[in-house]
Amino acid sequence: MKELEKLYDRIIQRVNINLRELEFDVKPFVWTLIPPEQMSKFYAFYGISPDHPLSLQFRHCGLAGSYFLGRCSLTNSLLYKSDIRGDELKKKGDIFHFKNFKISVSKDEEIEIEDSALIKTLVHNYSHDPETPEKFFIKDTVSTHYANIHGSPSEGCFLGPFATIDLTTMHDCVIGSFSYVQAGEINHLKIKPGTIWVRNPGQFNFLYRHPVEKLHQYIYFTPGNQPQGLLIDFMEDRKEAFQRIFDLVHVDHGVEVPKSASLDRYAVTKPTTTISENVLVAQRAFIQNSFLGRGANAQENCFIINSHLEGYDITAHGAKIIEADMGRNVFVGFNSFLRGRPNCRLTIGKESIVMPHTIIDSRKPLSIPAGHIVWGMIQDQNDLEANSLPINTFSKIENRFSKGDLYFEGSGQAFVSAFQNRIQHILEANGALFDGSKNMGHAQKNQNISFNTIQPYPKGDLKGLYPTIVIQP
């Protein structure tokens, strides 16, 4: 146990050195977030699949409750109930397109985590940094509860609870709680909590910030305390259902799964749930009394409760949908929280886009028309009118636009096209468009994954750490 605490202290010091210019001290925020006893309590597990190159290397690490798939290398790091999902890494011979460059990938890409602590964090996608096309690195970084590091190499950074960094290389940055950043590359920035920032230099800049006092009802994080708020309570209330899944060797979900769909062994389903063709339900997803139509998906840390998804609906990492009816082709972005009530349901029309980290929490019936883009914090009809636009109207923005707490500049058409193209890519990658022989994706390939477990030292100075482990074909 002494070595584990020394390692944690080393990681925190390295992050603090990187963040010294921002005068940000990580230790008061995170020192108590990983109880040492928990690090020896939970096994780690990894997937083996014929569809993904296998290479796992763990050196001087704690891995409690964490999952690994694909090519991953970890050194001097602590992971607690995190998912390192390498099923979209680039492969040798691929061509990586970046602006006007066509970059040949010379070897299979690898996720490389060094001197970092990831707490209940998802790492997914692939490096979008043209300088490191074969290495998705996370170095000298601490991330906290339910953060997403998605296609975003990171060095010397801190991510607060429910923060997402997406398709962005970041150096020496602090990403506040419930913030979403997709900006290409950022350096030496301190992003305030609740910031939604989507930028493509020379094309567009979308900036919104949640009202601080209202956001604190949902997530609040201060030095010396555990994260607090409705979002944390929501996750804690359903923790026992996942514990049962992890305790069992063989799991019977009690749900009929079509041959073209995938229900992960580490997902939770509760009656009465329907899974249609080409549906993907990822690990740590929670589905209760819901209908998932053809091609819909629920990614990691997604919760779909008492809801109906008509089909080809994307529920991105960490999003939650409760008491809602979704038309076809609705996109719900990262860590969004959408909640209707049993007698006051939320309805979202087809082909709508719910921006990442949107909160819709209504106690009255609320209906979002088809083909709308929605953002911000919405609790009633007035909020909806202040935080939404028809997609066609948004596409016509040509210079500057502001509405409520949203500021946008650039081309609305470029912004909408970027999202629509990405939505199409997600559907393809997840296997939503599989026709029985072509367009296979995660929903089909994930059926061919087997899982193995590894355990840490149970006692002594190394308690909670894992021996050096190399797993290769």
Protein backbone atom coordinates (compact mmCIF):
# COMPACT_ATOMS: atom_id res chain seq x y z
CA MET A 1 0.00 0.00 0.00
CA LYS A 2 2.93 2.34 0.65
CA GLU A 3 4.04 2.10 -2.97
CA LEU A 4 0.54 2.94 -4.22
CA GLU A 5 0.39 6.10 -2.12
CA LYS A 6 3.89 7.09 -3.23
CA LEU A 7 2.84 6.62 -6.85
CA TYR A 8 -0.27 8.76 -6.39
CA ASP A 9 1.80 11.50 -4.79
CA ARG A 10 4.29 11.33 -7.68
CA ILE A 11 1.49 11.67 -10.26
CA ILE A 12 -0.04 14.67 -8.49
CA GLN A 13 3.34 16.38 -8.24
CA ARG A 14 3.99 15.91 -11.97
CA VAL A 15 0.60 17.38 -12.86
CA ASN A 16 1.17 20.33 -10.53
CA ILE A 17 4.52 21.06 -12.17
CA ASN A 18 2.80 21.25 -15.54
CA LEU A 19 0.06 23.51 -14.17
CA ARG A 20 2.32 25.86 -12.21
CA GLU A 21 1.74 28.75 -14.64
CA LEU A 22 -2.00 28.48 -13.98
CA GLU A 23 -1.32 28.39 -10.22
CA PHE A 24 -3.58 25.35 -9.91
CA ASP A 25 -2.95 22.79 -7.16
CA VAL A 26 -4.45 19.41 -8.01
CA LYS A 27 -3.83 17.72 -4.65
CA PRO A 28 -6.68 19.28 -2.58
CA PHE A 29 -9.14 18.19 -5.27
CA VAL A 30 -8.04 14.60 -5.75
CA TRP A 31 -6.04 13.25 -2.82
CA THR A 32 -9.08 11.57 -1.22
CA LEU A 33 -10.81 10.55 -4.46
CA ILE A 34 -9.08 7.16 -4.72
CA PRO A 35 -9.44 5.30 -1.39
CA PRO A 36 -6.35 3.08 -1.19
CA GLU A 37 -8.35 0.09 0.07
CA GLN A 38 -10.52 0.19 -3.04
CA MET A 39 -7.51 -0.29 -5.30
CA SER A 40 -7.05 -3.87 -4.07
CA LYS A 41 -10.76 -4.68 -3.94
CA PHE A 42 -11.65 -4.80 -7.66
CA TYR A 43 -10.16 -6.84 -10.48
CA ALA A 44 -9.20 -5.34 -13.84
CA PHE A 45 -10.33 -6.97 -17.09
CA TYR A 46 -9.45 -6.93 -20.76
CA GLY A 47 -11.04 -8.00 -24.00
CA ILE A 48 -9.67 -10.33 -26.67
CA SER A 49 -11.07 -9.97 -30.18
CA PRO A 50 -9.99 -11.13 -33.65
CA ASP A 51 -10.99 -7.68 -34.94
CA HIS A 52 -8.50 -5.65 -32.87
CA PRO A 53 -4.71 -5.99 -32.49
CA LEU A 54 -3.81 -7.20 -29.00
CA SER A 55 -0.95 -5.66 -27.03
CA LEU A 56 -1.35 -4.78 -23.36
CA GLN A 57 1.54 -3.69 -21.15
CA PHE A 58 1.20 -2.68 -17.51
CA ARG A 59 4.21 -1.49 -15.49
CA HIS A 60 3.95 -0.23 -11.90
CA CYS A 61 0.23 0.51 -12.12
CA GLY A 62 -3.00 0.23 -10.17
CA LEU A 63 -5.90 -0.81 -12.39
CA ALA A 64 -8.85 -1.47 -10.07
CA GLY A 65 -12.13 -2.12 -11.86
CA SER A 66 -10.78 -0.90 -15.20
CA TYR A 67 -11.28 -2.30 -18.70
CA PHE A 68 -8.85 -2.49 -21.62
CA LEU A 69 -9.32 -3.32 -25.30
CA GLY A 70 -6.81 -3.10 -28.14
CA ARG A 71 -3.25 -1.79 -27.92
CA CYS A 72 -2.60 -0.10 -24.57
CA SER A 73 0.61 0.63 -22.65
CA LEU A 74 0.51 1.94 -19.07
CA THR A 75 3.41 3.02 -16.88
CA ASN A 76 3.41 4.55 -13.38
CA SER A 77 -0.34 5.18 -13.47
CA LEU A 78 -3.45 4.64 -11.35
CA LEU A 79 -6.77 3.82 -12.97
CA TYR A 80 -9.96 3.36 -10.98
CA LYS A 81 -13.03 1.94 -12.74
CA SER A 82 -11.96 3.47 -16.05
CA ASP A 83 -12.49 2.21 -19.61
CA ILE A 84 -9.59 2.30 -22.07
CA ARG A 85 -11.30 1.35 -25.29
CA GLY A 86 -8.93 0.95 -28.22
CA ASP A 87 -11.35 -0.37 -30.82
CA GLU A 88 -11.09 2.69 -33.09
CA LEU A 89 -7.32 3.10 -33.11
CA LYS A 90 -5.67 3.56 -36.49
CA LYS A 91 -4.05 0.52 -38.07
CA LYS A 92 -0.85 0.15 -40.05
CA GLY A 93 -1.45 1.24 -43.63
CA ASP A 94 -4.34 3.58 -42.81
CA ILE A 95 -4.32 7.11 -44.21
CA PHE A 96 -5.02 9.82 -41.63
CA HIS A 97 -6.48 12.95 -43.21
CA PHE A 98 -5.66 16.26 -41.54
CA LYS A 99 -6.54 19.43 -43.43
CA ASN A 100 -4.56 19.17 -46.68
CA PHE A 101 -2.29 16.40 -45.40
CA LYS A 102 -2.63 12.68 -46.08
CA ILE A 103 -0.58 11.00 -43.36
CA SER A 104 0.38 7.35 -43.79
CA VAL A 105 0.17 5.32 -40.56
CA SER A 106 3.40 3.30 -40.30
CA LYS A 107 2.35 1.02 -37.42
CA ASP A 108 -0.72 0.13 -35.37
CA GLU A 109 -1.68 3.00 -33.09
CA GLU A 110 -1.39 2.56 -29.32
CA ILE A 111 -2.91 4.27 -26.30
CA GLU A 112 0.00 5.22 -24.04
CA ILE A 113 -0.79 6.30 -20.47
CA GLU A 114 2.09 7.46 -18.30
CA ASP A 115 2.29 9.12 -14.87
CA SER A 116 -1.47 9.68 -14.83
CA ALA A 117 -4.49 8.98 -12.62
CA LEU A 118 -7.85 8.35 -14.27
CA ILE A 119 -10.92 8.00 -12.06
CA LYS A 120 -14.05 6.53 -13.67
CA THR A 121 -12.85 7.97 -16.97
CA LEU A 122 -13.49 6.84 -20.54
CA VAL A 123 -10.65 6.92 -23.09
CA HIS A 124 -11.82 6.22 -26.65
CA ASN A 125 -11.38 6.95 -30.37
CA TYR A 126 -7.89 7.71 -31.77
CA SER A 127 -5.31 10.47 -31.75
CA HIS A 128 -6.35 13.41 -33.90
CA ASP A 129 -2.95 15.03 -33.47
CA PRO A 130 -1.10 14.98 -36.83
CA GLU A 131 2.22 15.05 -34.96
CA THR A 132 1.52 11.72 -33.22
CA PRO A 133 -0.67 9.65 -35.56
CA GLU A 134 0.51 6.33 -34.08
CA LYS A 135 0.41 7.33 -30.42
CA PHE A 136 -2.63 8.41 -28.40
CA PHE A 137 -0.78 9.68 -25.33
CA ILE A 138 -2.08 10.64 -21.90
CA LYS A 139 0.78 11.89 -19.76
CA ASP A 140 1.00 13.70 -16.41
CA THR A 141 -2.79 13.97 -16.34
CA VAL A 142 -5.48 13.53 -13.69
CA SER A 143 -9.13 13.09 -14.65
CA THR A 144 -12.03 12.66 -12.26
CA HIS A 145 -15.46 11.06 -12.15
CA TYR A 146 -17.14 10.35 -15.51
CA ALA A 147 -14.77 12.46 -17.59
CA ASN A 148 -14.28 11.60 -21.27
CA ILE A 149 -10.93 11.77 -23.05
CA HIS A 150 -12.08 11.20 -26.60
CA GLY A 151 -9.51 11.24 -29.39
CA SER A 152 -7.58 13.81 -27.36
CA PRO A 153 -3.89 13.39 -26.49
CA SER A 154 -3.21 15.05 -23.15
CA GLU A 155 -0.12 16.22 -21.29
CA GLY A 156 -0.05 17.97 -17.93
CA CYS A 157 -3.81 18.40 -17.53
CA PHE A 158 -6.63 18.14 -15.01
CA LEU A 159 -10.24 17.23 -15.87
CA GLY A 160 -13.05 17.85 -13.41
CA PRO A 161 -16.08 15.57 -12.98
CA PHE A 162 -18.17 15.02 -16.12
CA ALA A 163 -15.69 17.02 -18.22
CA THR A 164 -15.15 16.02 -21.85
CA ILE A 165 -12.20 16.79 -24.09
CA ASP A 166 -13.02 15.73 -27.64
CA LEU A 167 -10.78 15.52 -30.74
CA THR A 168 -8.44 18.06 -29.14
CA THR A 169 -4.77 17.90 -28.17
CA MET A 170 -4.25 19.65 -24.85
CA HIS A 171 -1.15 20.70 -22.93
CA ASP A 172 -1.07 22.13 -19.40
CA CYS A 173 -4.81 22.82 -19.14
CA VAL A 174 -7.52 22.68 -16.48
CA ILE A 175 -10.93 21.58 -17.75
CA GLY A 176 -13.68 22.51 -15.29
CA SER A 177 -16.53 20.27 -14.18
CA PHE A 178 -19.15 19.51 -16.85
CA SER A 179 -17.20 21.39 -19.52
CA TYR A 180 -16.98 20.17 -23.11
CA VAL A 181 -14.11 21.25 -25.33
CA GLN A 182 -13.61 20.41 -29.01
CA ALA A 183 -11.09 22.95 -30.25
CA GLY A 184 -8.31 21.20 -32.18
CA GLU A 185 -5.44 22.15 -29.87
CA ILE A 186 -5.30 24.11 -26.62
CA ASN A 187 -2.41 25.13 -24.38
CA HIS A 188 -2.17 26.69 -20.91
CA LEU A 189 -5.91 27.33 -20.56
CA LYS A 190 -8.17 27.15 -17.52
CA ILE A 191 -11.68 26.35 -18.72
CA LYS A 192 -14.42 27.36 -16.30
CA PRO A 193 -17.01 24.76 -15.18
CA GLY A 194 -19.99 24.34 -17.48
CA THR A 195 -18.28 25.69 -20.60
CA ILE A 196 -19.35 24.27 -23.97
CA TRP A 197 -16.78 25.25 -26.58
CA VAL A 198 -16.68 23.92 -30.15
CA ARG A 199 -14.16 25.58 -32.45
CA ASN A 200 -12.74 24.96 -35.88
CA PRO A 201 -10.29 27.82 -36.55
CA GLY A 202 -11.27 29.81 -39.60
CA GLN A 203 -14.65 28.04 -39.78
CA PHE A 204 -16.71 28.55 -36.62
CA ASN A 205 -16.65 29.13 -32.88
CA PHE A 206 -19.54 27.99 -30.63
CA LEU A 207 -19.35 29.13 -26.99
CA TYR A 208 -21.88 28.65 -24.20
CA ARG A 209 -21.51 28.61 -20.42
CA HIS A 210 -24.06 27.12 -18.03
CA PRO A 211 -25.32 29.49 -15.31
CA VAL A 212 -23.09 28.68 -12.34
CA GLU A 213 -25.75 28.60 -9.62
CA LYS A 214 -28.04 26.35 -11.64
CA LEU A 215 -25.16 24.07 -12.61
CA HIS A 216 -24.27 23.56 -8.94
CA GLN A 217 -27.56 21.72 -8.49
CA TYR A 218 -26.25 19.09 -10.90
CA ILE A 219 -22.50 18.98 -10.24
CA TYR A 220 -20.43 20.78 -7.63
CA PHE A 221 -16.77 20.07 -6.91
CA THR A 222 -14.63 21.81 -4.31
CA PRO A 223 -11.20 21.05 -2.79
CA GLY A 224 -11.25 18.43 -0.06
CA ASN A 225 -14.69 17.09 -0.97
CA GLN A 226 -16.12 14.39 -3.17
CA PRO A 227 -18.05 15.60 -6.23
CA GLN A 228 -21.63 16.43 -5.30
CA GLY A 229 -24.92 17.16 -7.02
CA LEU A 230 -27.83 15.53 -8.78
CA LEU A 231 -25.64 13.87 -11.43
CA ILE A 232 -23.48 12.17 -8.82
CA ASP A 233 -26.56 11.11 -6.82
CA PHE A 234 -28.07 9.67 -10.00
CA MET A 235 -25.00 7.50 -10.60
CA GLU A 236 -24.68 6.43 -6.96
CA ASP A 237 -28.33 5.33 -6.81
CA ARG A 238 -27.65 2.76 -9.54
CA LYS A 239 -24.24 1.57 -8.44
CA GLU A 240 -25.46 -1.68 -6.88
CA ALA A 241 -26.92 -2.90 -10.18
CA PHE A 242 -23.44 -2.75 -11.73
CA GLN A 243 -21.83 -4.41 -8.73
CA ARG A 244 -23.96 -7.50 -9.31
CA ILE A 245 -22.85 -7.66 -12.96
CA PHE A 246 -19.19 -7.49 -11.98
CA ASP A 247 -19.56 -10.09 -9.23
CA LEU A 248 -21.09 -12.75 -11.48
CA VAL A 249 -19.06 -15.03 -13.74
CA HIS A 250 -21.95 -15.76 -16.10
CA VAL A 251 -24.58 -13.09 -16.73
CA ASP A 252 -28.06 -13.67 -18.11
CA HIS A 253 -29.41 -10.27 -19.08
CA GLY A 254 -32.87 -11.71 -19.71
CA VAL A 255 -33.17 -9.72 -22.94
CA GLU A 256 -33.47 -11.13 -26.45
CA VAL A 257 -30.64 -9.77 -28.60
CA PRO A 258 -30.84 -10.01 -32.42
CA LYS A 259 -27.88 -11.57 -34.23
CA SER A 260 -26.83 -8.19 -35.64
CA ALA A 261 -26.90 -6.40 -32.26
CA SER A 262 -24.54 -6.36 -29.29
CA LEU A 263 -25.32 -6.20 -25.57
CA ASP A 264 -22.10 -5.96 -23.57
CA ARG A 265 -21.51 -8.46 -20.81
CA TYR A 266 -20.82 -5.54 -18.41
CA ALA A 267 -24.01 -3.59 -19.22
CA VAL A 268 -27.13 -3.56 -17.04
CA THR A 269 -30.60 -4.22 -18.42
CA LYS A 270 -33.85 -4.18 -16.48
CA PRO A 271 -37.39 -5.16 -17.52
CA THR A 272 -38.94 -4.55 -19.88
CA THR A 273 -36.30 -3.69 -22.47
CA THR A 274 -36.36 -4.26 -26.23
CA ILE A 275 -33.17 -4.33 -28.31
CA SER A 276 -33.64 -4.20 -32.08
CA GLU A 277 -31.34 -5.06 -34.99
CA ASN A 278 -27.95 -3.32 -35.22
CA VAL A 279 -28.22 -1.88 -31.71
CA LEU A 280 -25.04 -1.35 -29.69
CA VAL A 281 -25.14 -1.35 -25.88
CA ALA A 282 -21.64 -0.75 -24.50
CA GLN A 283 -20.09 -1.67 -21.15
CA ARG A 284 -21.37 0.24 -18.11
CA ALA A 285 -24.52 1.26 -20.00
CA PHE A 286 -27.83 0.99 -18.10
CA ILE A 287 -31.10 0.26 -19.93
CA GLN A 288 -34.41 0.01 -18.07
CA ASN A 289 -37.91 -0.42 -19.46
CA SER A 290 -36.92 1.10 -22.79
CA PHE A 291 -37.19 0.43 -26.52
CA LEU A 292 -34.07 0.78 -28.66
CA GLY A 293 -35.05 0.82 -32.32
CA ARG A 294 -32.92 -0.40 -35.21
CA GLY A 295 -29.44 1.11 -35.28
CA ALA A 296 -29.76 2.95 -31.95
CA ASN A 297 -26.92 2.86 -29.45
CA ALA A 298 -26.10 3.43 -25.80
CA GLN A 299 -22.41 4.04 -25.21
CA GLU A 300 -20.35 3.84 -21.99
CA ASN A 301 -21.98 5.33 -18.87
CA CYS A 302 -25.23 5.97 -20.76
CA PHE A 303 -28.55 5.53 -18.98
CA ILE A 304 -31.80 5.05 -20.89
CA ILE A 305 -34.78 4.70 -18.57
CA ASN A 306 -38.49 4.46 -19.42
CA SER A 307 -37.77 5.79 -22.89
CA HIS A 308 -38.43 5.02 -26.54
CA LEU A 309 -35.74 5.51 -29.19
CA GLU A 310 -37.31 5.06 -32.61
CA GLY A 311 -34.13 4.14 -34.45
CA TYR A 312 -30.67 5.31 -35.56
CA ASP A 313 -30.50 7.41 -32.40
CA ILE A 314 -27.06 8.14 -30.95
CA THR A 315 -26.66 8.37 -27.19
CA ALA A 316 -23.05 9.50 -26.87
CA HIS A 317 -20.72 8.61 -24.00
CA GLY A 318 -22.22 9.46 -20.62
CA ALA A 319 -25.58 10.78 -21.88
CA LYS A 320 -28.74 10.05 -19.89
CA ILE A 321 -32.28 9.84 -21.27
CA ILE A 322 -35.16 9.45 -18.82
CA GLU A 323 -38.91 9.43 -19.53
CA ALA A 324 -38.42 10.52 -23.13
CA ASP A 325 -39.53 9.69 -26.67
CA MET A 326 -36.97 10.18 -29.43
CA GLY A 327 -37.69 10.33 -33.14
CA ARG A 328 -35.37 8.77 -35.71
CA ASN A 329 -31.81 10.02 -36.13
CA VAL A 330 -31.67 12.06 -32.93
CA PHE A 331 -28.17 12.81 -31.66
CA VAL A 332 -27.70 13.28 -27.91
CA GLY A 333 -24.20 14.53 -27.13
CA PHE A 334 -21.67 13.54 -24.46
CA ASN A 335 -22.80 13.68 -20.82
CA SER A 336 -26.13 15.31 -21.65
CA PHE A 337 -28.87 14.88 -19.04
CA LEU A 338 -32.39 14.68 -20.49
CA ARG A 339 -35.17 14.04 -18.01
CA GLY A 340 -38.90 14.17 -18.41
CA ARG A 341 -41.34 12.87 -15.81
CA PRO A 342 -43.76 9.90 -15.92
CA ASN A 343 -46.76 12.11 -16.68
CA CYS A 344 -44.76 14.93 -18.26
CA ARG A 345 -42.65 13.27 -20.90
CA LEU A 346 -39.93 14.81 -23.00
CA THR A 347 -40.33 14.43 -26.77
CA ILE A 348 -37.57 15.14 -29.30
CA GLY A 349 -38.44 15.18 -32.99
CA LYS A 350 -36.51 13.35 -35.67
CA GLU A 351 -33.12 14.53 -36.96
CA SER A 352 -32.53 16.86 -34.04
CA ILE A 353 -29.15 17.56 -32.47
CA VAL A 354 -28.81 17.86 -28.70
CA MET A 355 -25.43 19.48 -28.11
CA PRO A 356 -22.95 17.82 -25.72
CA HIS A 357 -23.44 18.59 -22.03
CA THR A 358 -26.99 19.86 -22.49
CA ILE A 359 -29.32 19.64 -19.48
CA ILE A 360 -33.06 19.30 -20.14
CA ASP A 361 -34.89 18.76 -16.87
CA SER A 362 -38.58 19.59 -17.16
CA ARG A 363 -41.48 19.01 -14.79
CA LYS A 364 -44.01 19.81 -17.52
CA PRO A 365 -44.50 18.11 -20.90
CA LEU A 366 -41.88 19.44 -23.30
CA SER A 367 -41.65 18.85 -27.04
CA ILE A 368 -38.69 19.72 -29.25
CA PRO A 369 -39.77 19.93 -32.91
CA ALA A 370 -38.05 17.85 -35.57
CA GLY A 371 -34.87 19.21 -37.11
CA HIS A 372 -33.80 21.44 -34.23
CA ILE A 373 -30.46 22.06 -32.55
CA VAL A 374 -30.64 22.40 -28.77
CA TRP A 375 -28.06 23.51 -26.18
CA GLY A 376 -27.68 24.83 -22.65
CA MET A 377 -29.91 24.35 -19.63
CA ILE A 378 -33.61 23.90 -20.26
CA GLN A 379 -36.25 23.53 -17.56
CA ASP A 380 -39.37 24.84 -19.31
CA GLN A 381 -40.76 26.10 -22.61
CA ASN A 382 -39.23 29.55 -22.20
CA ASP A 383 -35.78 28.02 -21.73
CA LEU A 384 -36.32 25.87 -24.82
CA GLU A 385 -37.12 28.90 -26.95
CA ALA A 386 -34.01 30.66 -25.65
CA ASN A 387 -31.71 27.67 -26.23
CA SER A 388 -32.70 26.18 -29.57
CA LEU A 389 -33.05 26.94 -33.27
CA PRO A 390 -34.23 25.06 -36.34
CA ILE A 391 -31.16 23.48 -37.93
CA ASN A 392 -32.00 25.17 -41.23
CA THR A 393 -32.01 28.56 -39.51
CA PHE A 394 -28.71 27.87 -37.74
CA SER A 395 -27.19 26.88 -41.09
CA LYS A 396 -27.88 30.36 -42.46
CA ILE A 397 -25.68 32.13 -39.89
CA GLU A 398 -22.81 33.72 -41.81
CA ASN A 399 -21.01 35.94 -39.33
CA ARG A 400 -21.92 36.53 -35.69
CA PHE A 401 -24.92 35.36 -33.72
CA SER A 402 -25.89 35.44 -30.06
CA LYS A 403 -28.90 34.14 -28.21
CA GLY A 404 -29.16 34.06 -24.44
CA ASP A 405 -25.84 32.74 -23.13
CA LEU A 406 -24.75 31.41 -26.53
CA TYR A 407 -22.20 33.23 -28.65
CA PHE A 408 -21.45 31.97 -32.17
CA GLU A 409 -19.28 33.31 -34.94
CA GLY A 410 -18.43 31.94 -38.35
CA SER A 411 -20.35 29.71 -40.72
CA GLY A 412 -23.47 28.06 -39.36
CA GLN A 413 -23.50 25.79 -42.41
CA ALA A 414 -19.97 24.57 -41.69
CA PHE A 415 -20.89 23.93 -38.05
CA VAL A 416 -24.03 21.96 -38.89
CA SER A 417 -22.29 20.01 -41.66
CA ALA A 418 -19.46 19.05 -39.29
CA PHE A 419 -21.95 17.62 -36.80
CA GLN A 420 -24.03 15.86 -39.43
CA ASN A 421 -20.93 14.27 -40.98
CA ARG A 422 -19.78 13.11 -37.57
CA ILE A 423 -23.20 11.65 -36.77
CA GLN A 424 -23.03 9.66 -40.01
CA HIS A 425 -19.55 8.42 -39.08
CA ILE A 426 -20.75 7.32 -35.62
CA LEU A 427 -23.64 5.36 -37.14
CA GLU A 428 -21.23 3.65 -39.51
CA ALA A 429 -18.64 2.89 -36.82
CA ASN A 430 -21.28 1.48 -34.47
CA GLY A 431 -22.68 -0.88 -37.12
CA ALA A 432 -26.07 0.82 -37.32
CA LEU A 433 -26.01 0.55 -41.13
CA PHE A 434 -25.07 -3.15 -41.29
CA ASP A 435 -27.07 -4.87 -44.07
CA GLY A 436 -26.21 -8.47 -43.26
CA SER A 437 -22.90 -8.57 -45.10
CA LYS A 438 -21.50 -5.04 -45.46
CA ASN A 439 -20.96 -2.10 -43.09
CA MET A 440 -20.04 -4.12 -40.01
CA GLY A 441 -19.30 -2.04 -36.93
CA HIS A 442 -19.07 -2.30 -33.16
CA ALA A 443 -22.56 -3.81 -32.81
CA GLN A 444 -21.44 -6.81 -34.86
CA LYS A 445 -17.74 -7.02 -33.93
CA ASN A 446 -18.36 -6.76 -30.18
CA GLN A 447 -20.09 -10.13 -30.31
CA ASN A 448 -16.63 -11.65 -30.79
CA ILE A 449 -15.00 -10.39 -27.59
CA SER A 450 -14.02 -12.63 -24.69
CA PHE A 451 -13.00 -11.23 -21.32
CA ASN A 452 -10.20 -12.10 -18.92
CA THR A 453 -9.42 -10.75 -15.47
CA ILE A 454 -6.19 -9.77 -13.73
CA GLN A 455 -5.62 -9.15 -10.03
CA PRO A 456 -3.36 -6.88 -7.91
CA TYR A 457 -1.08 -7.69 -5.01
CA PRO A 458 -3.41 -8.44 -2.06
CA LYS A 459 -1.04 -7.49 0.79
CA GLY A 460 2.23 -5.80 1.63
CA ASP A 461 3.89 -2.64 0.40
CA LEU A 462 2.70 -3.33 -3.16
CA LYS A 463 -0.94 -3.88 -2.15
CA GLY A 464 -3.27 -2.47 -4.81
CA LEU A 465 -0.59 -2.37 -7.50
CA TYR A 466 -0.28 -4.94 -10.28
CA PRO A 467 2.87 -6.82 -11.22
CA THR A 468 4.41 -6.05 -14.58
CA ILE A 469 2.15 -7.73 -17.12
CA VAL A 470 2.64 -8.07 -20.88
CA ILE A 471 -0.23 -9.61 -22.85
CA GLN A 472 0.34 -10.26 -26.54
CA PRO A 473 -0.88 -12.77 -29.13
